[in-house]
Amino acid sequence: MNTDLRRTGVNALGDMPWGSHVCLFYESKDDLLDTVVPFFKTGLESNEFCLWAPSQPLTLEEARTALRRRIPDFDLYLASGNMEIFSGREWYLRGNQFGLKRITSAWHEKLRGALAKGYDGMRASGNAFWPGTDHWKNFCDYERELNKWIKGKQMTALCTYQIVESGAAEMLEVAQAHQLAVARRKGDWELVEPTPATARTHSLTPREREVLWWAAEGKSAAQIGEILHITKRTVDEHTHNAARKLGAANRTQAVAIGLRERLIGKSPPPAHKNHGPNAESVLGARRKT
């Protein structure tokens, strides 16, 4: 499996590996566009084929307009086939019938075609219009199937649900069908926890805790490497190991678990024995700004 991290373009998600299946609960059109547009902008800039299937409350024209305003040369990307935009209802339903195997096969064909054309992979997003409809159970089954199918694939999926359309029970069910679920309301981010925290026996090394702490401060892998005087590759290895031990799907989820279970706190953990003095100076500089 290819474990290389890919930039998502979304600060709250950070860098994620191929095979990531993420859920966003949003409150307004602005919250939706402020997440999905940079997600696709970064994908297009990273040689990834992009596919968006928006639906209410966003029209296809509003989706195109938002992309056109924020992505330089967007029309060239669209004309060159680097991105496709379909109605969510058109993508998921055929004759008002929901076919799980048909949709999964469609993702497979789009990914296969993208790789054959020389793209590094594919990123996709679909806006759910299912809450309160007769298709809800089938769609939840589809989300769980996609969560299994996408693992190991060179694809990243961002599923989006409007909060006002999703009841608490439905949000819980959706969150459980994804590797990570977040909510964006009035520009603020929250982690959606599908299940209560369970007790775990952790064995994070001091260096892994350091790396996670700086990740929680919003530092990139390259910046953490400079602070700790180690290479970016070593930072990525520590992050991957910490995520594996915590049962997290990616760096963002590992940080969330670390904060929730107090493995990392408001202050940096004790310095690693090979840790240089640069971390404290950087921290001091950050606090002065």
C-alpha atoms as a PDB file:
ATOM      1  CA  MET A   1       0.000   0.000   0.000  1.00  0.00           C
ATOM      2  CA  ASN A   2       1.207   3.499  -0.882  1.00  0.00           C
ATOM      3  CA  THR A   3       1.391   5.425   2.422  1.00  0.00           C
ATOM      4  CA  ASP A   4       2.695   8.710   0.972  1.00  0.00           C
ATOM      5  CA  LEU A   5       0.884  11.662   2.501  1.00  0.00           C
ATOM      6  CA  ARG A   6      -1.020  13.995   0.185  1.00  0.00           C
ATOM      7  CA  ARG A   7      -1.839  17.627   0.872  1.00  0.00           C
ATOM      8  CA  THR A   8      -5.572  18.110   1.332  1.00  0.00           C
ATOM      9  CA  GLY A   9      -5.556  21.902   1.115  1.00  0.00           C
ATOM     10  CA  VAL A  10      -7.733  21.984   4.261  1.00  0.00           C
ATOM     11  CA  ASN A  11      -5.862  23.064   7.403  1.00  0.00           C
ATOM     12  CA  ALA A  12      -8.102  21.084   9.733  1.00  0.00           C
ATOM     13  CA  LEU A  13      -7.383  17.866   7.815  1.00  0.00           C
ATOM     14  CA  GLY A  14      -3.679  18.416   7.177  1.00  0.00           C
ATOM     15  CA  ASP A  15      -1.854  15.858   5.058  1.00  0.00           C
ATOM     16  CA  MET A  16      -3.579  12.512   4.558  1.00  0.00           C
ATOM     17  CA  PRO A  17      -2.572   9.190   2.991  1.00  0.00           C
ATOM     18  CA  TRP A  18      -4.197   7.678  -0.065  1.00  0.00           C
ATOM     19  CA  GLY A  19      -7.248   5.657   0.843  1.00  0.00           C
ATOM     20  CA  SER A  20      -8.667   8.314   3.205  1.00  0.00           C
ATOM     21  CA  HIS A  21     -12.459   8.520   3.542  1.00  0.00           C
ATOM     22  CA  VAL A  22     -13.491  11.656   5.431  1.00  0.00           C
ATOM     23  CA  CYS A  23     -16.846  13.156   6.357  1.00  0.00           C
ATOM     24  CA  LEU A  24     -17.596  16.876   6.686  1.00  0.00           C
ATOM     25  CA  PHE A  25     -20.729  18.172   8.411  1.00  0.00           C
ATOM     26  CA  TYR A  26     -21.267  21.801   7.411  1.00  0.00           C
ATOM     27  CA  GLU A  27     -23.751  24.491   8.371  1.00  0.00           C
ATOM     28  CA  SER A  28     -23.813  26.953   5.465  1.00  0.00           C
ATOM     29  CA  LYS A  29     -22.855  27.153   1.792  1.00  0.00           C
ATOM     30  CA  ASP A  30     -19.831  29.224   2.794  1.00  0.00           C
ATOM     31  CA  ASP A  31     -18.668  26.518   5.199  1.00  0.00           C
ATOM     32  CA  LEU A  32     -19.056  23.942   2.433  1.00  0.00           C
ATOM     33  CA  LEU A  33     -17.270  25.973  -0.256  1.00  0.00           C
ATOM     34  CA  ASP A  34     -14.482  27.105   2.084  1.00  0.00           C
ATOM     35  CA  THR A  35     -13.627  23.424   2.552  1.00  0.00           C
ATOM     36  CA  VAL A  36     -14.350  21.770  -0.775  1.00  0.00           C
ATOM     37  CA  VAL A  37     -12.857  24.425  -3.083  1.00  0.00           C
ATOM     38  CA  PRO A  38      -9.339  24.377  -1.532  1.00  0.00           C
ATOM     39  CA  PHE A  39      -9.606  20.567  -1.398  1.00  0.00           C
ATOM     40  CA  PHE A  40     -10.011  20.455  -5.175  1.00  0.00           C
ATOM     41  CA  LYS A  41      -7.593  23.337  -5.860  1.00  0.00           C
ATOM     42  CA  THR A  42      -4.853  21.386  -4.116  1.00  0.00           C
ATOM     43  CA  GLY A  43      -5.791  18.207  -5.961  1.00  0.00           C
ATOM     44  CA  LEU A  44      -5.577  19.887  -9.365  1.00  0.00           C
ATOM     45  CA  GLU A  45      -2.219  21.401  -8.451  1.00  0.00           C
ATOM     46  CA  SER A  46      -0.982  17.962  -7.314  1.00  0.00           C
ATOM     47  CA  ASN A  47      -1.697  16.095 -10.559  1.00  0.00           C
ATOM     48  CA  GLU A  48      -4.811  14.406  -9.220  1.00  0.00           C
ATOM     49  CA  PHE A  49      -7.980  13.797 -11.217  1.00  0.00           C
ATOM     50  CA  CYS A  50     -10.896  15.469  -9.426  1.00  0.00           C
ATOM     51  CA  LEU A  51     -14.609  14.652  -9.401  1.00  0.00           C
ATOM     52  CA  TRP A  52     -17.311  16.607  -7.563  1.00  0.00           C
ATOM     53  CA  ALA A  53     -20.958  15.570  -7.255  1.00  0.00           C
ATOM     54  CA  PRO A  54     -22.689  18.499  -5.503  1.00  0.00           C
ATOM     55  CA  SER A  55     -26.384  18.666  -4.701  1.00  0.00           C
ATOM     56  CA  GLN A  56     -28.758  20.873  -2.705  1.00  0.00           C
ATOM     57  CA  PRO A  57     -28.239  23.435  -1.301  1.00  0.00           C
ATOM     58  CA  LEU A  58     -25.600  23.989  -3.985  1.00  0.00           C
ATOM     59  CA  THR A  59     -26.453  24.081  -7.685  1.00  0.00           C
ATOM     60  CA  LEU A  60     -24.052  22.947 -10.389  1.00  0.00           C
ATOM     61  CA  GLU A  61     -23.679  26.531 -11.600  1.00  0.00           C
ATOM     62  CA  GLU A  62     -22.877  27.766  -8.077  1.00  0.00           C
ATOM     63  CA  ALA A  63     -20.280  25.017  -7.742  1.00  0.00           C
ATOM     64  CA  ARG A  64     -18.614  25.963 -11.048  1.00  0.00           C
ATOM     65  CA  THR A  65     -18.705  29.660 -10.197  1.00  0.00           C
ATOM     66  CA  ALA A  66     -17.037  29.087  -6.815  1.00  0.00           C
ATOM     67  CA  LEU A  67     -14.278  26.994  -8.405  1.00  0.00           C
ATOM     68  CA  ARG A  68     -13.802  29.519 -11.198  1.00  0.00           C
ATOM     69  CA  ARG A  69     -13.419  32.401  -8.736  1.00  0.00           C
ATOM     70  CA  ARG A  70     -10.853  30.711  -6.518  1.00  0.00           C
ATOM     71  CA  ILE A  71      -8.838  28.489  -8.865  1.00  0.00           C
ATOM     72  CA  PRO A  72      -6.649  30.182 -11.503  1.00  0.00           C
ATOM     73  CA  ASP A  73      -7.178  28.710 -14.990  1.00  0.00           C
ATOM     74  CA  PHE A  74     -10.058  26.569 -13.726  1.00  0.00           C
ATOM     75  CA  ASP A  75     -11.736  26.555 -17.145  1.00  0.00           C
ATOM     76  CA  LEU A  76      -8.553  25.090 -18.641  1.00  0.00           C
ATOM     77  CA  TYR A  77      -8.570  22.305 -16.034  1.00  0.00           C
ATOM     78  CA  LEU A  78     -12.210  21.616 -16.865  1.00  0.00           C
ATOM     79  CA  ALA A  79     -11.684  21.677 -20.641  1.00  0.00           C
ATOM     80  CA  SER A  80      -8.666  19.381 -20.333  1.00  0.00           C
ATOM     81  CA  GLY A  81     -10.656  16.793 -18.389  1.00  0.00           C
ATOM     82  CA  ASN A  82      -8.662  17.262 -15.178  1.00  0.00           C
ATOM     83  CA  MET A  83     -11.939  17.656 -13.327  1.00  0.00           C
ATOM     84  CA  GLU A  84     -15.530  16.557 -13.807  1.00  0.00           C
ATOM     85  CA  ILE A  85     -18.643  17.918 -12.089  1.00  0.00           C
ATOM     86  CA  PHE A  86     -21.903  15.970 -11.960  1.00  0.00           C
ATOM     87  CA  SER A  87     -25.202  16.490 -10.206  1.00  0.00           C
ATOM     88  CA  GLY A  88     -25.180  14.412  -7.024  1.00  0.00           C
ATOM     89  CA  ARG A  89     -28.562  12.979  -7.916  1.00  0.00           C
ATOM     90  CA  GLU A  90     -27.301  12.132 -11.418  1.00  0.00           C
ATOM     91  CA  TRP A  91     -24.189  10.421 -10.038  1.00  0.00           C
ATOM     92  CA  TYR A  92     -25.829   8.356  -7.299  1.00  0.00           C
ATOM     93  CA  LEU A  93     -29.268   7.616  -8.735  1.00  0.00           C
ATOM     94  CA  ARG A  94     -30.350   6.100 -12.006  1.00  0.00           C
ATOM     95  CA  GLY A  95     -34.089   6.048 -12.631  1.00  0.00           C
ATOM     96  CA  ASN A  96     -34.464   7.014  -8.937  1.00  0.00           C
ATOM     97  CA  GLN A  97     -32.815   3.684  -8.063  1.00  0.00           C
ATOM     98  CA  PHE A  98     -29.755   3.457  -5.842  1.00  0.00           C
ATOM     99  CA  GLY A  99     -27.320   0.747  -6.927  1.00  0.00           C
ATOM    100  CA  LEU A 100     -24.440   0.125  -4.522  1.00  0.00           C
ATOM    101  CA  LYS A 101     -22.447  -2.076  -6.904  1.00  0.00           C
ATOM    102  CA  ARG A 102     -23.031   0.284  -9.826  1.00  0.00           C
ATOM    103  CA  ILE A 103     -21.717   3.300  -7.901  1.00  0.00           C
ATOM    104  CA  THR A 104     -18.697   1.474  -6.504  1.00  0.00           C
ATOM    105  CA  SER A 105     -17.890   0.201 -10.007  1.00  0.00           C
ATOM    106  CA  ALA A 106     -18.170   3.767 -11.314  1.00  0.00           C
ATOM    107  CA  TRP A 107     -15.580   4.962  -8.775  1.00  0.00           C
ATOM    108  CA  HIS A 108     -13.326   2.085  -9.768  1.00  0.00           C
ATOM    109  CA  GLU A 109     -13.577   2.956 -13.462  1.00  0.00           C
ATOM    110  CA  LYS A 110     -12.901   6.658 -12.839  1.00  0.00           C
ATOM    111  CA  LEU A 111      -9.835   5.802 -10.751  1.00  0.00           C
ATOM    112  CA  ARG A 112      -8.560   3.255 -13.280  1.00  0.00           C
ATOM    113  CA  GLY A 113      -8.961   5.784 -16.085  1.00  0.00           C
ATOM    114  CA  ALA A 114      -7.185   8.508 -14.099  1.00  0.00           C
ATOM    115  CA  LEU A 115      -4.181   6.295 -13.373  1.00  0.00           C
ATOM    116  CA  ALA A 116      -4.034   5.191 -17.019  1.00  0.00           C
ATOM    117  CA  LYS A 117      -3.845   8.857 -18.060  1.00  0.00           C
ATOM    118  CA  GLY A 118      -0.888   9.513 -15.784  1.00  0.00           C
ATOM    119  CA  TYR A 119      -2.552  11.142 -12.800  1.00  0.00           C
ATOM    120  CA  ASP A 120      -1.033  10.402  -9.393  1.00  0.00           C
ATOM    121  CA  GLY A 121      -4.467   9.454  -8.154  1.00  0.00           C
ATOM    122  CA  MET A 122      -7.948  10.814  -7.667  1.00  0.00           C
ATOM    123  CA  ARG A 123      -9.856  12.904  -5.167  1.00  0.00           C
ATOM    124  CA  ALA A 124     -13.627  13.080  -5.025  1.00  0.00           C
ATOM    125  CA  SER A 125     -16.394  14.731  -3.057  1.00  0.00           C
ATOM    126  CA  GLY A 126     -20.142  14.161  -3.001  1.00  0.00           C
ATOM    127  CA  ASN A 127     -22.786  16.181  -1.180  1.00  0.00           C
ATOM    128  CA  ALA A 128     -25.392  13.949   0.452  1.00  0.00           C
ATOM    129  CA  PHE A 129     -29.075  14.663  -0.064  1.00  0.00           C
ATOM    130  CA  TRP A 130     -30.191  11.419   1.587  1.00  0.00           C
ATOM    131  CA  PRO A 131     -31.313  12.287   5.150  1.00  0.00           C
ATOM    132  CA  GLY A 132     -35.061  11.831   5.451  1.00  0.00           C
ATOM    133  CA  THR A 133     -35.423   9.989   2.133  1.00  0.00           C
ATOM    134  CA  ASP A 134     -36.233   6.390   1.261  1.00  0.00           C
ATOM    135  CA  HIS A 135     -32.597   5.941   0.171  1.00  0.00           C
ATOM    136  CA  TRP A 136     -31.057   6.583   3.600  1.00  0.00           C
ATOM    137  CA  LYS A 137     -30.424   2.960   4.621  1.00  0.00           C
ATOM    138  CA  ASN A 138     -28.980   2.060   1.213  1.00  0.00           C
ATOM    139  CA  PHE A 139     -26.726   5.098   1.288  1.00  0.00           C
ATOM    140  CA  CYS A 140     -25.381   4.236   4.747  1.00  0.00           C
ATOM    141  CA  ASP A 141     -24.616   0.729   3.461  1.00  0.00           C
ATOM    142  CA  TYR A 142     -22.812   2.360   0.536  1.00  0.00           C
ATOM    143  CA  GLU A 143     -20.721   4.595   2.837  1.00  0.00           C
ATOM    144  CA  ARG A 144     -19.630   1.553   4.857  1.00  0.00           C
ATOM    145  CA  GLU A 145     -18.774  -0.342   1.662  1.00  0.00           C
ATOM    146  CA  LEU A 146     -16.811   2.621   0.288  1.00  0.00           C
ATOM    147  CA  ASN A 147     -14.926   2.847   3.580  1.00  0.00           C
ATOM    148  CA  LYS A 148     -13.682  -0.716   3.028  1.00  0.00           C
ATOM    149  CA  TRP A 149     -13.180  -0.442  -0.732  1.00  0.00           C
ATOM    150  CA  ILE A 150     -11.077   2.730  -0.694  1.00  0.00           C
ATOM    151  CA  LYS A 151      -8.341   1.329   1.551  1.00  0.00           C
ATOM    152  CA  GLY A 152      -5.168   0.863  -0.442  1.00  0.00           C
ATOM    153  CA  LYS A 153      -6.539   2.833  -3.400  1.00  0.00           C
ATOM    154  CA  GLN A 154      -4.895   5.981  -4.762  1.00  0.00           C
ATOM    155  CA  MET A 155      -7.983   7.987  -3.968  1.00  0.00           C
ATOM    156  CA  THR A 156      -9.199  10.422  -1.314  1.00  0.00           C
ATOM    157  CA  ALA A 157     -12.925  10.907  -0.667  1.00  0.00           C
ATOM    158  CA  LEU A 158     -14.554  13.830   1.135  1.00  0.00           C
ATOM    159  CA  CYS A 159     -18.264  13.250   1.824  1.00  0.00           C
ATOM    160  CA  THR A 160     -20.291  16.306   2.848  1.00  0.00           C
ATOM    161  CA  TYR A 161     -23.539  16.533   4.852  1.00  0.00           C
ATOM    162  CA  GLN A 162     -25.496  19.637   5.796  1.00  0.00           C
ATOM    163  CA  ILE A 163     -26.050  19.778   9.545  1.00  0.00           C
ATOM    164  CA  VAL A 164     -29.607  21.134   9.356  1.00  0.00           C
ATOM    165  CA  GLU A 165     -30.575  18.136   7.208  1.00  0.00           C
ATOM    166  CA  SER A 166     -28.856  15.574   9.429  1.00  0.00           C
ATOM    167  CA  GLY A 167     -30.332  14.587  12.774  1.00  0.00           C
ATOM    168  CA  ALA A 168     -28.137  13.530  15.686  1.00  0.00           C
ATOM    169  CA  ALA A 169     -28.768   9.816  15.089  1.00  0.00           C
ATOM    170  CA  GLU A 170     -28.024  10.160  11.383  1.00  0.00           C
ATOM    171  CA  MET A 171     -24.806  12.106  12.080  1.00  0.00           C
ATOM    172  CA  LEU A 172     -23.654   9.346  14.405  1.00  0.00           C
ATOM    173  CA  GLU A 173     -24.381   6.661  11.823  1.00  0.00           C
ATOM    174  CA  VAL A 174     -22.543   8.600   9.103  1.00  0.00           C
ATOM    175  CA  ALA A 175     -19.535   9.325  11.329  1.00  0.00           C
ATOM    176  CA  GLN A 176     -19.172   5.619  12.095  1.00  0.00           C
ATOM    177  CA  ALA A 177     -18.955   4.867   8.359  1.00  0.00           C
ATOM    178  CA  HIS A 178     -15.901   7.112   7.871  1.00  0.00           C
ATOM    179  CA  GLN A 179     -12.310   7.098   9.051  1.00  0.00           C
ATOM    180  CA  LEU A 180     -12.640  10.676  10.291  1.00  0.00           C
ATOM    181  CA  ALA A 181     -15.607  13.025  10.741  1.00  0.00           C
ATOM    182  CA  VAL A 182     -15.350  16.776  11.305  1.00  0.00           C
ATOM    183  CA  ALA A 183     -17.858  19.618  11.501  1.00  0.00           C
ATOM    184  CA  ARG A 184     -17.504  23.199  10.286  1.00  0.00           C
ATOM    185  CA  ARG A 185     -19.890  25.806  11.654  1.00  0.00           C
ATOM    186  CA  LYS A 186     -19.482  29.550  11.067  1.00  0.00           C
ATOM    187  CA  GLY A 187     -15.851  28.944  10.175  1.00  0.00           C
ATOM    188  CA  ASP A 188     -15.021  26.931  13.312  1.00  0.00           C
ATOM    189  CA  TRP A 189     -13.924  23.295  13.258  1.00  0.00           C
ATOM    190  CA  GLU A 190     -14.955  20.463  15.579  1.00  0.00           C
ATOM    191  CA  LEU A 191     -14.064  16.788  15.694  1.00  0.00           C
ATOM    192  CA  VAL A 192     -17.116  14.518  15.546  1.00  0.00           C
ATOM    193  CA  GLU A 193     -16.556  11.457  17.703  1.00  0.00           C
ATOM    194  CA  PRO A 194     -18.693   8.500  16.581  1.00  0.00           C
ATOM    195  CA  THR A 195     -18.122   6.517  19.772  1.00  0.00           C
ATOM    196  CA  PRO A 196     -17.092   7.369  23.338  1.00  0.00           C
ATOM    197  CA  ALA A 197     -13.380   7.283  24.029  1.00  0.00           C
ATOM    198  CA  THR A 198     -12.228   3.860  25.130  1.00  0.00           C
ATOM    199  CA  ALA A 199      -9.327   3.059  27.372  1.00  0.00           C
ATOM    200  CA  ARG A 200      -6.208   2.050  25.475  1.00  0.00           C
ATOM    201  CA  THR A 201      -2.713   1.066  26.457  1.00  0.00           C
ATOM    202  CA  HIS A 202      -0.465   3.529  24.667  1.00  0.00           C
ATOM    203  CA  SER A 203       3.257   3.205  24.106  1.00  0.00           C
ATOM    204  CA  LEU A 204       4.128   6.426  22.322  1.00  0.00           C
ATOM    205  CA  THR A 205       7.793   7.279  22.434  1.00  0.00           C
ATOM    206  CA  PRO A 206       8.899  10.719  23.673  1.00  0.00           C
ATOM    207  CA  ARG A 207       9.741  11.699  20.104  1.00  0.00           C
ATOM    208  CA  GLU A 208       6.307  10.614  18.840  1.00  0.00           C
ATOM    209  CA  ARG A 209       4.676  12.762  21.515  1.00  0.00           C
ATOM    210  CA  GLU A 210       6.850  15.705  20.504  1.00  0.00           C
ATOM    211  CA  VAL A 211       5.919  15.334  16.855  1.00  0.00           C
ATOM    212  CA  LEU A 212       2.204  15.122  17.684  1.00  0.00           C
ATOM    213  CA  TRP A 213       2.419  18.162  19.953  1.00  0.00           C
ATOM    214  CA  TRP A 214       3.929  20.309  17.220  1.00  0.00           C
ATOM    215  CA  ALA A 215       1.388  18.929  14.736  1.00  0.00           C
ATOM    216  CA  ALA A 216      -1.343  20.086  17.130  1.00  0.00           C
ATOM    217  CA  GLU A 217       0.261  23.530  16.997  1.00  0.00           C
ATOM    218  CA  GLY A 218      -0.377  23.549  13.248  1.00  0.00           C
ATOM    219  CA  LYS A 219       3.211  22.925  12.141  1.00  0.00           C
ATOM    220  CA  SER A 220       3.880  21.071   8.891  1.00  0.00           C
ATOM    221  CA  ALA A 221       6.149  18.027   8.783  1.00  0.00           C
ATOM    222  CA  ALA A 222       8.942  20.167   7.303  1.00  0.00           C
ATOM    223  CA  GLN A 223       8.576  22.788  10.047  1.00  0.00           C
ATOM    224  CA  ILE A 224       8.564  20.116  12.761  1.00  0.00           C
ATOM    225  CA  GLY A 225      11.734  18.672  11.267  1.00  0.00           C
ATOM    226  CA  GLU A 226      13.454  22.064  11.509  1.00  0.00           C
ATOM    227  CA  ILE A 227      12.302  22.560  15.102  1.00  0.00           C
ATOM    228  CA  LEU A 228      13.424  19.085  16.248  1.00  0.00           C
ATOM    229  CA  HIS A 229      16.522  18.966  14.025  1.00  0.00           C
ATOM    230  CA  ILE A 230      15.394  15.835  12.200  1.00  0.00           C
ATOM    231  CA  THR A 231      14.436  15.183   8.593  1.00  0.00           C
ATOM    232  CA  LYS A 232      10.911  15.524   7.233  1.00  0.00           C
ATOM    233  CA  ARG A 233      11.014  11.810   6.406  1.00  0.00           C
ATOM    234  CA  THR A 234      11.755  10.999  10.049  1.00  0.00           C
ATOM    235  CA  VAL A 235       8.869  13.243  11.144  1.00  0.00           C
ATOM    236  CA  ASP A 236       6.542  11.379   8.769  1.00  0.00           C
ATOM    237  CA  GLU A 237       7.732   8.041  10.182  1.00  0.00           C
ATOM    238  CA  HIS A 238       7.072   9.163  13.777  1.00  0.00           C
ATOM    239  CA  THR A 239       3.644  10.474  12.755  1.00  0.00           C
ATOM    240  CA  HIS A 240       2.774   7.229  10.971  1.00  0.00           C
ATOM    241  CA  ASN A 241       3.894   5.138  13.962  1.00  0.00           C
ATOM    242  CA  ALA A 242       1.940   7.295  16.423  1.00  0.00           C
ATOM    243  CA  ALA A 243      -1.197   7.092  14.288  1.00  0.00           C
ATOM    244  CA  ARG A 244      -0.875   3.307  14.051  1.00  0.00           C
ATOM    245  CA  LYS A 245      -0.497   2.936  17.821  1.00  0.00           C
ATOM    246  CA  LEU A 246      -3.506   5.180  18.448  1.00  0.00           C
ATOM    247  CA  GLY A 247      -5.660   3.446  15.876  1.00  0.00           C
ATOM    248  CA  ALA A 248      -5.942   6.688  13.895  1.00  0.00           C
ATOM    249  CA  ALA A 249      -6.437   6.927  10.144  1.00  0.00           C
ATOM    250  CA  ASN A 250      -4.207   9.976   9.714  1.00  0.00           C
ATOM    251  CA  ARG A 251      -2.259  12.738  11.417  1.00  0.00           C
ATOM    252  CA  THR A 252      -5.317  14.872  12.189  1.00  0.00           C
ATOM    253  CA  GLN A 253      -7.106  12.022  13.911  1.00  0.00           C
ATOM    254  CA  ALA A 254      -3.935  11.062  15.809  1.00  0.00           C
ATOM    255  CA  VAL A 255      -3.648  14.618  17.147  1.00  0.00           C
ATOM    256  CA  ALA A 256      -7.324  14.618  18.144  1.00  0.00           C
ATOM    257  CA  ILE A 257      -6.925  11.325  20.052  1.00  0.00           C
ATOM    258  CA  GLY A 258      -3.717  12.564  21.661  1.00  0.00           C
ATOM    259  CA  LEU A 259      -5.425  15.712  22.928  1.00  0.00           C
ATOM    260  CA  ARG A 260      -8.578  13.882  24.022  1.00  0.00           C
ATOM    261  CA  GLU A 261      -6.668  11.280  26.019  1.00  0.00           C
ATOM    262  CA  ARG A 262      -4.152  13.810  27.378  1.00  0.00           C
ATOM    263  CA  LEU A 263      -1.170  12.197  25.717  1.00  0.00           C
ATOM    264  CA  ILE A 264      -0.245  15.690  24.598  1.00  0.00           C
ATOM    265  CA  GLY A 265      -1.195  18.838  26.462  1.00  0.00           C
ATOM    266  CA  LYS A 266      -1.000  22.616  26.335  1.00  0.00           C
ATOM    267  CA  SER A 267       2.733  22.583  27.017  1.00  0.00           C
ATOM    268  CA  PRO A 268       5.325  20.687  24.970  1.00  0.00           C
ATOM    269  CA  PRO A 269       6.338  17.287  26.351  1.00  0.00           C
ATOM    270  CA  PRO A 270       9.752  16.880  27.994  1.00  0.00           C
ATOM    271  CA  ALA A 271      12.494  17.315  25.415  1.00  0.00           C
ATOM    272  CA  HIS A 272      13.923  14.221  23.774  1.00  0.00           C
ATOM    273  CA  LYS A 273      17.510  13.592  24.832  1.00  0.00           C
ATOM    274  CA  ASN A 274      18.752  14.506  21.362  1.00  0.00           C
ATOM    275  CA  HIS A 275      16.457  17.501  21.202  1.00  0.00           C
ATOM    276  CA  GLY A 276      18.188  20.780  20.362  1.00  0.00           C
ATOM    277  CA  PRO A 277      17.395  24.159  21.946  1.00  0.00           C
ATOM    278  CA  ASN A 278      15.504  25.353  18.887  1.00  0.00           C
ATOM    279  CA  ALA A 279      12.079  24.128  20.015  1.00  0.00           C
ATOM    280  CA  GLU A 280      11.855  26.437  23.027  1.00  0.00           C
ATOM    281  CA  SER A 281      13.005  29.427  21.009  1.00  0.00           C
ATOM    282  CA  VAL A 282      10.423  28.684  18.332  1.00  0.00           C
ATOM    283  CA  LEU A 283       7.708  28.278  20.967  1.00  0.00           C
ATOM    284  CA  GLY A 284       8.695  31.586  22.544  1.00  0.00           C
ATOM    285  CA  ALA A 285       8.592  33.302  19.179  1.00  0.00           C
ATOM    286  CA  ARG A 286       5.153  31.841  18.452  1.00  0.00           C
ATOM    287  CA  ARG A 287       3.779  33.111  21.759  1.00  0.00           C
ATOM    288  CA  LYS A 288       5.071  36.620  21.125  1.00  0.00           C
ATOM    289  CA  THR A 289       3.255  36.869  17.781  1.00  0.00           C
END
